Amino acid sequence: MIKGQKVVCINDTFPEFVRAIYKQLPTKGVTYTIREVFLGREKIVKGGDTATVGLLLEELHNPPDPFHQGQQELGFTSERFAPLEELPDEEREELAGVGAGVGEEYTSHVGSWQN
């Protein structure tokens, strides 16, 4: 995934603690534009030192991550999104009905360390 690329949300299920700290979360079936790609982390949620690919989206803006020393904006794990052009045909058809009337350019985003 790269900056400027269009992606579609495939997972918009978030735990309550995430909903409490984010201002904007992505919606399944909605298309977003990648604003930034960064190295995320799983330590807070999974207790490990592994990293993930995190995304910031043009359409969504959130407060700084309270656990990041550099005050980086809360982002979303790339696993919550699929590149728009790479969706299987059957999934593309299924998601087409989800975002009906919303408009393909409308988008939102969420933190990278929540699953």
PDB file of N, CA and C in Angstrom:
ATOM      1  N   MET A   1       0.843  -1.177   0.000  1.00  0.00           N
ATOM      2  CA  MET A   1       0.000   0.000   0.000  1.00  0.00           C
ATOM      3  C   MET A   1       0.892   1.245   0.000  1.00  0.00           C
ATOM      4  N   ILE A   2       0.462   2.224  -0.788  1.00  0.00           N
ATOM      5  CA  ILE A   2       1.270   3.435  -0.939  1.00  0.00           C
ATOM      6  C   ILE A   2       0.401   4.696  -0.811  1.00  0.00           C
ATOM      7  N   LYS A   3       1.056   5.792  -0.497  1.00  0.00           N
ATOM      8  CA  LYS A   3       0.393   7.082  -0.364  1.00  0.00           C
ATOM      9  C   LYS A   3      -0.355   7.410  -1.655  1.00  0.00           C
ATOM     10  N   GLY A   4      -1.605   7.867  -1.519  1.00  0.00           N
ATOM     11  CA  GLY A   4      -2.416   8.210  -2.673  1.00  0.00           C
ATOM     12  C   GLY A   4      -3.257   7.065  -3.208  1.00  0.00           C
ATOM     13  N   GLN A   5      -2.981   5.839  -2.782  1.00  0.00           N
ATOM     14  CA  GLN A   5      -3.709   4.670  -3.250  1.00  0.00           C
ATOM     15  C   GLN A   5      -5.119   4.636  -2.656  1.00  0.00           C
ATOM     16  N   LYS A   6      -6.086   4.155  -3.431  1.00  0.00           N
ATOM     17  CA  LYS A   6      -7.463   3.974  -2.963  1.00  0.00           C
ATOM     18  C   LYS A   6      -7.573   2.584  -2.331  1.00  0.00           C
ATOM     19  N   VAL A   7      -8.202   2.541  -1.156  1.00  0.00           N
ATOM     20  CA  VAL A   7      -8.431   1.281  -0.460  1.00  0.00           C
ATOM     21  C   VAL A   7      -9.882   1.244   0.003  1.00  0.00           C
ATOM     22  N   VAL A   8     -10.389   0.048   0.250  1.00  0.00           N
ATOM     23  CA  VAL A   8     -11.753  -0.100   0.756  1.00  0.00           C
ATOM     24  C   VAL A   8     -11.674  -0.807   2.107  1.00  0.00           C
ATOM     25  N   CYS A   9     -12.461  -0.333   3.055  1.00  0.00           N
ATOM     26  CA  CYS A   9     -12.479  -0.935   4.389  1.00  0.00           C
ATOM     27  C   CYS A   9     -13.173  -2.292   4.318  1.00  0.00           C
ATOM     28  N   ILE A  10     -12.533  -3.320   4.882  1.00  0.00           N
ATOM     29  CA  ILE A  10     -13.107  -4.669   4.908  1.00  0.00           C
ATOM     30  C   ILE A  10     -13.390  -5.131   6.335  1.00  0.00           C
ATOM     31  N   ASN A  11     -13.003  -4.316   7.333  1.00  0.00           N
ATOM     32  CA  ASN A  11     -13.239  -4.674   8.732  1.00  0.00           C
ATOM     33  C   ASN A  11     -13.449  -3.396   9.532  1.00  0.00           C
ATOM     34  N   ASP A  12     -14.679  -3.178   9.985  1.00  0.00           N
ATOM     35  CA  ASP A  12     -14.971  -1.981  10.780  1.00  0.00           C
ATOM     36  C   ASP A  12     -15.464  -2.321  12.183  1.00  0.00           C
ATOM     37  N   THR A  13     -15.045  -3.483  12.680  1.00  0.00           N
ATOM     38  CA  THR A  13     -15.409  -3.894  14.032  1.00  0.00           C
ATOM     39  C   THR A  13     -14.294  -3.463  14.984  1.00  0.00           C
ATOM     40  N   PHE A  14     -14.643  -2.607  15.962  1.00  0.00           N
ATOM     41  CA  PHE A  14     -13.670  -2.065  16.904  1.00  0.00           C
ATOM     42  C   PHE A  14     -14.145  -2.268  18.337  1.00  0.00           C
ATOM     43  N   PRO A  15     -13.197  -2.554  19.236  1.00  0.00           N
ATOM     44  CA  PRO A  15     -13.573  -2.659  20.651  1.00  0.00           C
ATOM     45  C   PRO A  15     -13.979  -1.288  21.208  1.00  0.00           C
ATOM     46  N   GLU A  16     -14.716  -1.288  22.298  1.00  0.00           N
ATOM     47  CA  GLU A  16     -15.206  -0.047  22.902  1.00  0.00           C
ATOM     48  C   GLU A  16     -14.089   0.935  23.252  1.00  0.00           C
ATOM     49  N   PHE A  17     -12.926   0.435  23.749  1.00  0.00           N
ATOM     50  CA  PHE A  17     -11.854   1.362  24.138  1.00  0.00           C
ATOM     51  C   PHE A  17     -11.334   2.129  22.924  1.00  0.00           C
ATOM     52  N   VAL A  18     -11.378   1.523  21.750  1.00  0.00           N
ATOM     53  CA  VAL A  18     -10.941   2.201  20.526  1.00  0.00           C
ATOM     54  C   VAL A  18     -11.966   3.279  20.160  1.00  0.00           C
ATOM     55  N   ARG A  19     -13.232   2.928  20.240  1.00  0.00           N
ATOM     56  CA  ARG A  19     -14.289   3.898  19.932  1.00  0.00           C
ATOM     57  C   ARG A  19     -14.210   5.110  20.858  1.00  0.00           C
ATOM     58  N   ALA A  20     -13.707   4.907  22.067  1.00  0.00           N
ATOM     59  CA  ALA A  20     -13.622   5.992  23.042  1.00  0.00           C
ATOM     60  C   ALA A  20     -12.503   6.988  22.728  1.00  0.00           C
ATOM     61  N   ILE A  21     -11.417   6.547  22.090  1.00  0.00           N
ATOM     62  CA  ILE A  21     -10.286   7.450  21.854  1.00  0.00           C
ATOM     63  C   ILE A  21     -10.208   7.992  20.433  1.00  0.00           C
ATOM     64  N   TYR A  22     -10.891   7.358  19.496  1.00  0.00           N
ATOM     65  CA  TYR A  22     -10.901   7.833  18.106  1.00  0.00           C
ATOM     66  C   TYR A  22     -12.078   8.776  17.880  1.00  0.00           C
ATOM     67  N   LYS A  23     -11.876   9.755  17.028  1.00  0.00           N
ATOM     68  CA  LYS A  23     -12.962  10.652  16.636  1.00  0.00           C
ATOM     69  C   LYS A  23     -13.658  10.126  15.383  1.00  0.00           C
ATOM     70  N   GLN A  24     -12.885   9.496  14.488  1.00  0.00           N
ATOM     71  CA  GLN A  24     -13.426   8.996  13.230  1.00  0.00           C
ATOM     72  C   GLN A  24     -12.904   7.591  12.968  1.00  0.00           C
ATOM     73  N   LEU A  25     -13.801   6.689  12.619  1.00  0.00           N
ATOM     74  CA  LEU A  25     -13.458   5.307  12.306  1.00  0.00           C
ATOM     75  C   LEU A  25     -13.923   4.985  10.886  1.00  0.00           C
ATOM     76  N   PRO A  26     -13.237   4.069  10.223  1.00  0.00           N
ATOM     77  CA  PRO A  26     -13.649   3.697   8.866  1.00  0.00           C
ATOM     78  C   PRO A  26     -14.918   2.846   8.900  1.00  0.00           C
ATOM     79  N   THR A  27     -15.601   2.815   7.779  1.00  0.00           N
ATOM     80  CA  THR A  27     -16.827   2.047   7.621  1.00  0.00           C
ATOM     81  C   THR A  27     -16.620   0.997   6.534  1.00  0.00           C
ATOM     82  N   LYS A  28     -17.040  -0.225   6.831  1.00  0.00           N
ATOM     83  CA  LYS A  28     -16.888  -1.325   5.879  1.00  0.00           C
ATOM     84  C   LYS A  28     -17.573  -0.978   4.558  1.00  0.00           C
ATOM     85  N   GLY A  29     -16.854  -1.225   3.465  1.00  0.00           N
ATOM     86  CA  GLY A  29     -17.385  -0.988   2.137  1.00  0.00           C
ATOM     87  C   GLY A  29     -17.130   0.407   1.592  1.00  0.00           C
ATOM     88  N   VAL A  30     -16.593   1.289   2.421  1.00  0.00           N
ATOM     89  CA  VAL A  30     -16.332   2.667   1.989  1.00  0.00           C
ATOM     90  C   VAL A  30     -14.895   2.770   1.470  1.00  0.00           C
ATOM     91  N   THR A  31     -14.715   3.544   0.421  1.00  0.00           N
ATOM     92  CA  THR A  31     -13.405   3.741  -0.197  1.00  0.00           C
ATOM     93  C   THR A  31     -12.698   4.929   0.446  1.00  0.00           C
ATOM     94  N   TYR A  32     -11.398   4.761   0.726  1.00  0.00           N
ATOM     95  CA  TYR A  32     -10.583   5.796   1.331  1.00  0.00           C
ATOM     96  C   TYR A  32      -9.306   5.987   0.516  1.00  0.00           C
ATOM     97  N   THR A  33      -8.626   7.095   0.761  1.00  0.00           N
ATOM     98  CA  THR A  33      -7.360   7.404   0.101  1.00  0.00           C
ATOM     99  C   THR A  33      -6.272   7.412   1.164  1.00  0.00           C
ATOM    100  N   ILE A  34      -5.186   6.683   0.919  1.00  0.00           N
ATOM    101  CA  ILE A  34      -4.090   6.630   1.886  1.00  0.00           C
ATOM    102  C   ILE A  34      -3.373   7.970   1.918  1.00  0.00           C
ATOM    103  N   ARG A  35      -3.308   8.560   3.101  1.00  0.00           N
ATOM    104  CA  ARG A  35      -2.619   9.837   3.318  1.00  0.00           C
ATOM    105  C   ARG A  35      -1.174   9.586   3.716  1.00  0.00           C
ATOM    106  N   GLU A  36      -0.939   8.536   4.500  1.00  0.00           N
ATOM    107  CA  GLU A  36       0.411   8.223   4.998  1.00  0.00           C
ATOM    108  C   GLU A  36       0.474   6.750   5.340  1.00  0.00           C
ATOM    109  N   VAL A  37       1.648   6.143   5.122  1.00  0.00           N
ATOM    110  CA  VAL A  37       1.917   4.758   5.506  1.00  0.00           C
ATOM    111  C   VAL A  37       3.018   4.818   6.550  1.00  0.00           C
ATOM    112  N   PHE A  38       2.851   4.083   7.663  1.00  0.00           N
ATOM    113  CA  PHE A  38       3.860   4.117   8.721  1.00  0.00           C
ATOM    114  C   PHE A  38       4.007   2.753   9.370  1.00  0.00           C
ATOM    115  N   LEU A  39       5.102   2.593  10.095  1.00  0.00           N
ATOM    116  CA  LEU A  39       5.330   1.367  10.839  1.00  0.00           C
ATOM    117  C   LEU A  39       4.577   1.484  12.152  1.00  0.00           C
ATOM    118  N   GLY A  40       3.590   0.617  12.340  1.00  0.00           N
ATOM    119  CA  GLY A  40       2.786   0.617  13.556  1.00  0.00           C
ATOM    120  C   GLY A  40       3.340  -0.382  14.561  1.00  0.00           C
ATOM    121  N   ARG A  41       2.547  -0.651  15.594  1.00  0.00           N
ATOM    122  CA  ARG A  41       2.981  -1.605  16.605  1.00  0.00           C
ATOM    123  C   ARG A  41       1.784  -2.362  17.155  1.00  0.00           C
ATOM    124  N   GLU A  42       2.051  -3.535  17.740  1.00  0.00           N
ATOM    125  CA  GLU A  42       1.003  -4.347  18.339  1.00  0.00           C
ATOM    126  C   GLU A  42       1.191  -4.472  19.832  1.00  0.00           C
ATOM    127  N   LYS A  43       2.206  -3.876  20.383  1.00  0.00           N
ATOM    128  CA  LYS A  43       2.563  -4.065  21.790  1.00  0.00           C
ATOM    129  C   LYS A  43       1.400  -3.785  22.737  1.00  0.00           C
ATOM    130  N   ILE A  44       0.656  -2.739  22.518  1.00  0.00           N
ATOM    131  CA  ILE A  44      -0.420  -2.370  23.435  1.00  0.00           C
ATOM    132  C   ILE A  44      -1.518  -3.423  23.455  1.00  0.00           C
ATOM    133  N   VAL A  45      -1.901  -3.910  22.300  1.00  0.00           N
ATOM    134  CA  VAL A  45      -3.007  -4.846  22.236  1.00  0.00           C
ATOM    135  C   VAL A  45      -2.562  -6.277  22.492  1.00  0.00           C
ATOM    136  N   LYS A  46      -1.465  -6.680  21.909  1.00  0.00           N
ATOM    137  CA  LYS A  46      -1.062  -8.086  21.971  1.00  0.00           C
ATOM    138  C   LYS A  46       0.095  -8.364  22.908  1.00  0.00           C
ATOM    139  N   GLY A  47       0.672  -7.355  23.507  1.00  0.00           N
ATOM    140  CA  GLY A  47       1.754  -7.578  24.461  1.00  0.00           C
ATOM    141  C   GLY A  47       3.076  -7.966  23.836  1.00  0.00           C
ATOM    142  N   GLY A  48       3.228  -7.809  22.533  1.00  0.00           N
ATOM    143  CA  GLY A  48       4.465  -8.186  21.860  1.00  0.00           C
ATOM    144  C   GLY A  48       5.221  -6.983  21.356  1.00  0.00           C
ATOM    145  N   ASP A  49       6.337  -7.249  20.719  1.00  0.00           N
ATOM    146  CA  ASP A  49       7.156  -6.182  20.162  1.00  0.00           C
ATOM    147  C   ASP A  49       7.122  -6.191  18.641  1.00  0.00           C
ATOM    148  N   THR A  50       6.123  -6.836  18.052  1.00  0.00           N
ATOM    149  CA  THR A  50       6.044  -6.909  16.599  1.00  0.00           C
ATOM    150  C   THR A  50       5.456  -5.623  16.035  1.00  0.00           C
ATOM    151  N   ALA A  51       5.687  -5.422  14.756  1.00  0.00           N
ATOM    152  CA  ALA A  51       5.206  -4.213  14.094  1.00  0.00           C
ATOM    153  C   ALA A  51       4.182  -4.561  13.018  1.00  0.00           C
ATOM    154  N   THR A  52       3.373  -3.581  12.678  1.00  0.00           N
ATOM    155  CA  THR A  52       2.397  -3.718  11.605  1.00  0.00           C
ATOM    156  C   THR A  52       2.539  -2.513  10.682  1.00  0.00           C
ATOM    157  N   VAL A  53       1.900  -2.590   9.525  1.00  0.00           N
ATOM    158  CA  VAL A  53       1.854  -1.445   8.626  1.00  0.00           C
ATOM    159  C   VAL A  53       0.598  -0.657   8.987  1.00  0.00           C
ATOM    160  N   GLY A  54       0.800   0.610   9.335  1.00  0.00           N
ATOM    161  CA  GLY A  54      -0.316   1.471   9.717  1.00  0.00           C
ATOM    162  C   GLY A  54      -0.644   2.458   8.622  1.00  0.00           C
ATOM    163  N   LEU A  55      -1.887   2.925   8.627  1.00  0.00           N
ATOM    164  CA  LEU A  55      -2.336   3.873   7.616  1.00  0.00           C
ATOM    165  C   LEU A  55      -3.022   5.077   8.251  1.00  0.00           C
ATOM    166  N   LEU A  56      -2.791   6.232   7.650  1.00  0.00           N
ATOM    167  CA  LEU A  56      -3.587   7.423   7.925  1.00  0.00           C
ATOM    168  C   LEU A  56      -4.354   7.660   6.625  1.00  0.00           C
ATOM    169  N   LEU A  57      -5.595   8.077   6.733  1.00  0.00           N
ATOM    170  CA  LEU A  57      -6.447   8.247   5.562  1.00  0.00           C
ATOM    171  C   LEU A  57      -6.823   9.705   5.354  1.00  0.00           C
ATOM    172  N   GLU A  58      -6.892  10.123   4.096  1.00  0.00           N
ATOM    173  CA  GLU A  58      -7.230  11.505   3.750  1.00  0.00           C
ATOM    174  C   GLU A  58      -8.581  11.905   4.331  1.00  0.00           C
ATOM    175  N   GLU A  59      -9.508  10.990   4.350  1.00  0.00           N
ATOM    176  CA  GLU A  59     -10.876  11.304   4.717  1.00  0.00           C
ATOM    177  C   GLU A  59     -11.136  11.275   6.225  1.00  0.00           C
ATOM    178  N   LEU A  60     -10.211  10.740   6.989  1.00  0.00           N
ATOM    179  CA  LEU A  60     -10.388  10.618   8.438  1.00  0.00           C
ATOM    180  C   LEU A  60      -9.235  11.279   9.172  1.00  0.00           C
ATOM    181  N   HIS A  61      -9.564  11.943  10.262  1.00  0.00           N
ATOM    182  CA  HIS A  61      -8.550  12.599  11.088  1.00  0.00           C
ATOM    183  C   HIS A  61      -8.858  12.323  12.550  1.00  0.00           C
ATOM    184  N   ASN A  62      -7.830  11.966  13.309  1.00  0.00           N
ATOM    185  CA  ASN A  62      -7.982  11.578  14.701  1.00  0.00           C
ATOM    186  C   ASN A  62      -6.969  12.284  15.589  1.00  0.00           C
ATOM    187  N   PRO A  63      -7.180  12.218  16.900  1.00  0.00           N
ATOM    188  CA  PRO A  63      -6.239  12.858  17.829  1.00  0.00           C
ATOM    189  C   PRO A  63      -4.910  12.107  17.873  1.00  0.00           C
ATOM    190  N   PRO A  64      -3.916  12.673  18.537  1.00  0.00           N
ATOM    191  CA  PRO A  64      -2.629  11.985  18.695  1.00  0.00           C
ATOM    192  C   PRO A  64      -2.788  10.694  19.494  1.00  0.00           C
ATOM    193  N   ASP A  65      -1.961   9.725  19.169  1.00  0.00           N
ATOM    194  CA  ASP A  65      -1.929   8.450  19.886  1.00  0.00           C
ATOM    195  C   ASP A  65      -1.385   8.709  21.291  1.00  0.00           C
ATOM    196  N   PRO A  66      -2.161   8.439  22.347  1.00  0.00           N
ATOM    197  CA  PRO A  66      -1.702   8.719  23.707  1.00  0.00           C
ATOM    198  C   PRO A  66      -0.515   7.859  24.141  1.00  0.00           C
ATOM    199  N   PHE A  67      -0.217   6.800  23.387  1.00  0.00           N
ATOM    200  CA  PHE A  67       0.882   5.901  23.742  1.00  0.00           C
ATOM    201  C   PHE A  67       2.119   6.115  22.878  1.00  0.00           C
ATOM    202  N   HIS A  68       2.091   7.095  21.994  1.00  0.00           N
ATOM    203  CA  HIS A  68       3.214   7.365  21.091  1.00  0.00           C
ATOM    204  C   HIS A  68       3.942   8.613  21.566  1.00  0.00           C
ATOM    205  N   GLN A  69       5.227   8.489  21.852  1.00  0.00           N
ATOM    206  CA  GLN A  69       6.006   9.615  22.373  1.00  0.00           C
ATOM    207  C   GLN A  69       6.056  10.790  21.404  1.00  0.00           C
ATOM    208  N   GLY A  70       6.008  10.521  20.114  1.00  0.00           N
ATOM    209  CA  GLY A  70       6.072  11.581  19.111  1.00  0.00           C
ATOM    210  C   GLY A  70       4.726  12.203  18.798  1.00  0.00           C
ATOM    211  N   GLN A  71       3.681  11.805  19.529  1.00  0.00           N
ATOM    212  CA  GLN A  71       2.331  12.332  19.323  1.00  0.00           C
ATOM    213  C   GLN A  71       1.812  12.099  17.910  1.00  0.00           C
ATOM    214  N   GLN A  72       2.180  10.953  17.331  1.00  0.00           N
ATOM    215  CA  GLN A  72       1.680  10.594  16.006  1.00  0.00           C
ATOM    216  C   GLN A  72       0.162  10.420  16.073  1.00  0.00           C
ATOM    217  N   GLU A  73      -0.521  10.813  15.027  1.00  0.00           N
ATOM    218  CA  GLU A  73      -1.973  10.654  14.947  1.00  0.00           C
ATOM    219  C   GLU A  73      -2.351   9.181  15.026  1.00  0.00           C
ATOM    220  N   LEU A  74      -3.462   8.900  15.692  1.00  0.00           N
ATOM    221  CA  LEU A  74      -3.979   7.540  15.735  1.00  0.00           C
ATOM    222  C   LEU A  74      -4.304   7.101  14.314  1.00  0.00           C
ATOM    223  N   GLY A  75      -3.832   5.933  13.950  1.00  0.00           N
ATOM    224  CA  GLY A  75      -4.047   5.417  12.605  1.00  0.00           C
ATOM    225  C   GLY A  75      -4.725   4.061  12.646  1.00  0.00           C
ATOM    226  N   PHE A  76      -4.678   3.359  11.536  1.00  0.00           N
ATOM    227  CA  PHE A  76      -5.349   2.074  11.398  1.00  0.00           C
ATOM    228  C   PHE A  76      -4.409   1.028  10.807  1.00  0.00           C
ATOM    229  N   THR A  77      -4.586  -0.218  11.223  1.00  0.00           N
ATOM    230  CA  THR A  77      -3.790  -1.284  10.645  1.00  0.00           C
ATOM    231  C   THR A  77      -4.203  -1.493   9.186  1.00  0.00           C
ATOM    232  N   SER A  78      -3.229  -1.733   8.344  1.00  0.00           N
ATOM    233  CA  SER A  78      -3.507  -1.928   6.918  1.00  0.00           C
ATOM    234  C   SER A  78      -4.356  -3.181   6.679  1.00  0.00           C
ATOM    235  N   GLU A  79      -4.384  -4.090   7.646  1.00  0.00           N
ATOM    236  CA  GLU A  79      -5.167  -5.323   7.501  1.00  0.00           C
ATOM    237  C   GLU A  79      -6.668  -5.050   7.469  1.00  0.00           C
ATOM    238  N   ARG A  80      -7.082  -3.857   7.846  1.00  0.00           N
ATOM    239  CA  ARG A  80      -8.503  -3.497   7.811  1.00  0.00           C
ATOM    240  C   ARG A  80      -8.949  -3.046   6.421  1.00  0.00           C
ATOM    241  N   PHE A  81      -8.007  -2.963   5.471  1.00  0.00           N
ATOM    242  CA  PHE A  81      -8.297  -2.420   4.147  1.00  0.00           C
ATOM    243  C   PHE A  81      -7.779  -3.333   3.045  1.00  0.00           C
ATOM    244  N   ALA A  82      -8.442  -3.256   1.901  1.00  0.00           N
ATOM    245  CA  ALA A  82      -7.992  -3.973   0.702  1.00  0.00           C
ATOM    246  C   ALA A  82      -7.802  -2.944  -0.396  1.00  0.00           C
ATOM    247  N   PRO A  83      -6.719  -3.093  -1.175  1.00  0.00           N
ATOM    248  CA  PRO A  83      -6.542  -2.184  -2.308  1.00  0.00           C
ATOM    249  C   PRO A  83      -7.773  -2.291  -3.207  1.00  0.00           C
ATOM    250  N   LEU A  84      -8.326  -1.183  -3.615  1.00  0.00           N
ATOM    251  CA  LEU A  84      -9.573  -1.170  -4.371  1.00  0.00           C
ATOM    252  C   LEU A  84      -9.506  -2.041  -5.617  1.00  0.00           C
ATOM    253  N   GLU A  85      -8.420  -1.954  -6.353  1.00  0.00           N
ATOM    254  CA  GLU A  85      -8.314  -2.703  -7.604  1.00  0.00           C
ATOM    255  C   GLU A  85      -8.024  -4.182  -7.406  1.00  0.00           C
ATOM    256  N   GLU A  86      -7.733  -4.626  -6.173  1.00  0.00           N
ATOM    257  CA  GLU A  86      -7.387  -6.019  -5.941  1.00  0.00           C
ATOM    258  C   GLU A  86      -8.484  -6.824  -5.270  1.00  0.00           C
ATOM    259  N   LEU A  87      -9.673  -6.256  -5.080  1.00  0.00           N
ATOM    260  CA  LEU A  87     -10.760  -6.998  -4.461  1.00  0.00           C
ATOM    261  C   LEU A  87     -11.241  -8.111  -5.387  1.00  0.00           C
ATOM    262  N   PRO A  88     -11.494  -9.305  -4.833  1.00  0.00           N
ATOM    263  CA  PRO A  88     -12.080 -10.365  -5.666  1.00  0.00           C
ATOM    264  C   PRO A  88     -13.445  -9.890  -6.179  1.00  0.00           C
ATOM    265  N   ASP A  89     -13.845 -10.348  -7.363  1.00  0.00           N
ATOM    266  CA  ASP A  89     -15.086  -9.897  -7.974  1.00  0.00           C
ATOM    267  C   ASP A  89     -16.287 -10.061  -7.052  1.00  0.00           C
ATOM    268  N   GLU A  90     -16.404 -11.222  -6.375  1.00  0.00           N
ATOM    269  CA  GLU A  90     -17.557 -11.458  -5.518  1.00  0.00           C
ATOM    270  C   GLU A  90     -17.579 -10.516  -4.314  1.00  0.00           C
ATOM    271  N   GLU A  91     -16.405 -10.192  -3.759  1.00  0.00           N
ATOM    272  CA  GLU A  91     -16.351  -9.269  -2.631  1.00  0.00           C
ATOM    273  C   GLU A  91     -16.628  -7.845  -3.088  1.00  0.00           C
ATOM    274  N   ARG A  92     -16.166  -7.489  -4.272  1.00  0.00           N
ATOM    275  CA  ARG A  92     -16.422  -6.152  -4.816  1.00  0.00           C
ATOM    276  C   ARG A  92     -17.932  -5.955  -4.989  1.00  0.00           C
ATOM    277  N   GLU A  93     -18.637  -7.004  -5.490  1.00  0.00           N
ATOM    278  CA  GLU A  93     -20.089  -6.918  -5.672  1.00  0.00           C
ATOM    279  C   GLU A  93     -20.793  -6.789  -4.330  1.00  0.00           C
ATOM    280  N   GLU A  94     -20.329  -7.551  -3.335  1.00  0.00           N
ATOM    281  CA  GLU A  94     -20.929  -7.508  -2.004  1.00  0.00           C
ATOM    282  C   GLU A  94     -20.766  -6.118  -1.387  1.00  0.00           C
ATOM    283  N   LEU A  95     -19.574  -5.544  -1.490  1.00  0.00           N
ATOM    284  CA  LEU A  95     -19.313  -4.237  -0.904  1.00  0.00           C
ATOM    285  C   LEU A  95     -19.972  -3.107  -1.678  1.00  0.00           C
ATOM    286  N   ALA A  96     -20.270  -3.322  -2.943  1.00  0.00           N
ATOM    287  CA  ALA A  96     -20.913  -2.281  -3.747  1.00  0.00           C
ATOM    288  C   ALA A  96     -22.256  -1.901  -3.151  1.00  0.00           C
ATOM    289  N   GLY A  97     -22.975  -2.863  -2.623  1.00  0.00           N
ATOM    290  CA  GLY A  97     -24.263  -2.589  -1.999  1.00  0.00           C
ATOM    291  C   GLY A  97     -24.131  -1.906  -0.656  1.00  0.00           C
ATOM    292  N   VAL A  98     -23.050  -2.135   0.068  1.00  0.00           N
ATOM    293  CA  VAL A  98     -22.837  -1.546   1.395  1.00  0.00           C
ATOM    294  C   VAL A  98     -22.690  -0.046   1.314  1.00  0.00           C
ATOM    295  N   GLY A  99     -21.939   0.442   0.339  1.00  0.00           N
ATOM    296  CA  GLY A  99     -21.673   1.873   0.252  1.00  0.00           C
ATOM    297  C   GLY A  99     -22.614   2.613  -0.689  1.00  0.00           C
ATOM    298  N   ALA A 100     -23.701   1.978  -1.103  1.00  0.00           N
ATOM    299  CA  ALA A 100     -24.621   2.603  -2.049  1.00  0.00           C
ATOM    300  C   ALA A 100     -25.095   3.956  -1.544  1.00  0.00           C
ATOM    301  N   GLY A 101     -25.001   4.947  -2.391  1.00  0.00           N
ATOM    302  CA  GLY A 101     -25.466   6.280  -2.050  1.00  0.00           C
ATOM    303  C   GLY A 101     -24.457   7.098  -1.274  1.00  0.00           C
ATOM    304  N   VAL A 102     -23.349   6.496  -0.869  1.00  0.00           N
ATOM    305  CA  VAL A 102     -22.360   7.218  -0.081  1.00  0.00           C
ATOM    306  C   VAL A 102     -21.376   7.941  -0.984  1.00  0.00           C
ATOM    307  N   GLY A 103     -21.066   7.338  -2.102  1.00  0.00           N
ATOM    308  CA  GLY A 103     -20.091   7.958  -3.011  1.00  0.00           C
ATOM    309  C   GLY A 103     -18.726   7.363  -2.788  1.00  0.00           C
ATOM    310  N   GLU A 104     -18.076   6.988  -3.856  1.00  0.00           N
ATOM    311  CA  GLU A 104     -16.812   6.272  -3.754  1.00  0.00           C
ATOM    312  C   GLU A 104     -15.709   7.101  -3.122  1.00  0.00           C
ATOM    313  N   GLU A 105     -15.780   8.412  -3.215  1.00  0.00           N
ATOM    314  CA  GLU A 105     -14.700   9.244  -2.689  1.00  0.00           C
ATOM    315  C   GLU A 105     -14.815   9.476  -1.189  1.00  0.00           C
ATOM    316  N   TYR A 106     -15.972   9.196  -0.585  1.00  0.00           N
ATOM    317  CA  TYR A 106     -16.133   9.413   0.854  1.00  0.00           C
ATOM    318  C   TYR A 106     -15.337   8.372   1.606  1.00  0.00           C
ATOM    319  N   THR A 107     -14.564   8.799   2.620  1.00  0.00           N
ATOM    320  CA  THR A 107     -13.778   7.844   3.364  1.00  0.00           C
ATOM    321  C   THR A 107     -13.539   8.274   4.785  1.00  0.00           C
ATOM    322  N   SER A 108     -13.013   7.335   5.630  1.00  0.00           N
ATOM    323  CA  SER A 108     -12.672   7.619   7.013  1.00  0.00           C
ATOM    324  C   SER A 108     -11.549   6.712   7.464  1.00  0.00           C
ATOM    325  N   HIS A 109     -10.941   6.897   8.745  1.00  0.00           N
ATOM    326  CA  HIS A 109      -9.845   6.023   9.169  1.00  0.00           C
ATOM    327  C   HIS A 109      -9.747   5.771  10.657  1.00  0.00           C
ATOM    328  N   VAL A 110      -8.917   4.777  11.045  1.00  0.00           N
ATOM    329  CA  VAL A 110      -8.808   4.339  12.431  1.00  0.00           C
ATOM    330  C   VAL A 110      -7.409   3.878  12.771  1.00  0.00           C
ATOM    331  N   GLY A 111      -7.045   3.750  14.040  1.00  0.00           N
ATOM    332  CA  GLY A 111      -5.730   3.388  14.569  1.00  0.00           C
ATOM    333  C   GLY A 111      -5.185   2.069  14.099  1.00  0.00           C
ATOM    334  N   SER A 112      -3.901   1.995  14.029  1.00  0.00           N
ATOM    335  CA  SER A 112      -3.262   0.824  13.435  1.00  0.00           C
ATOM    336  C   SER A 112      -3.092  -0.329  14.388  1.00  0.00           C
ATOM    337  N   TRP A 113      -3.146  -0.118  15.676  1.00  0.00           N
ATOM    338  CA  TRP A 113      -2.860  -1.211  16.583  1.00  0.00           C
ATOM    339  C   TRP A 113      -4.088  -1.912  17.083  1.00  0.00           C
ATOM    340  N   GLN A 114      -5.263  -1.572  16.657  1.00  0.00           N
ATOM    341  CA  GLN A 114      -6.433  -2.283  17.146  1.00  0.00           C
ATOM    342  C   GLN A 114      -6.878  -3.335  16.158  1.00  0.00           C
ATOM    343  N   ASN A 115      -7.358  -4.423  16.691  1.00  0.00           N
ATOM    344  CA  ASN A 115      -7.853  -5.531  15.855  1.00  0.00           C
ATOM    345  C   ASN A 115      -9.228  -5.933  16.323  1.00  0.00           C
TER     346      ASN A 115
END
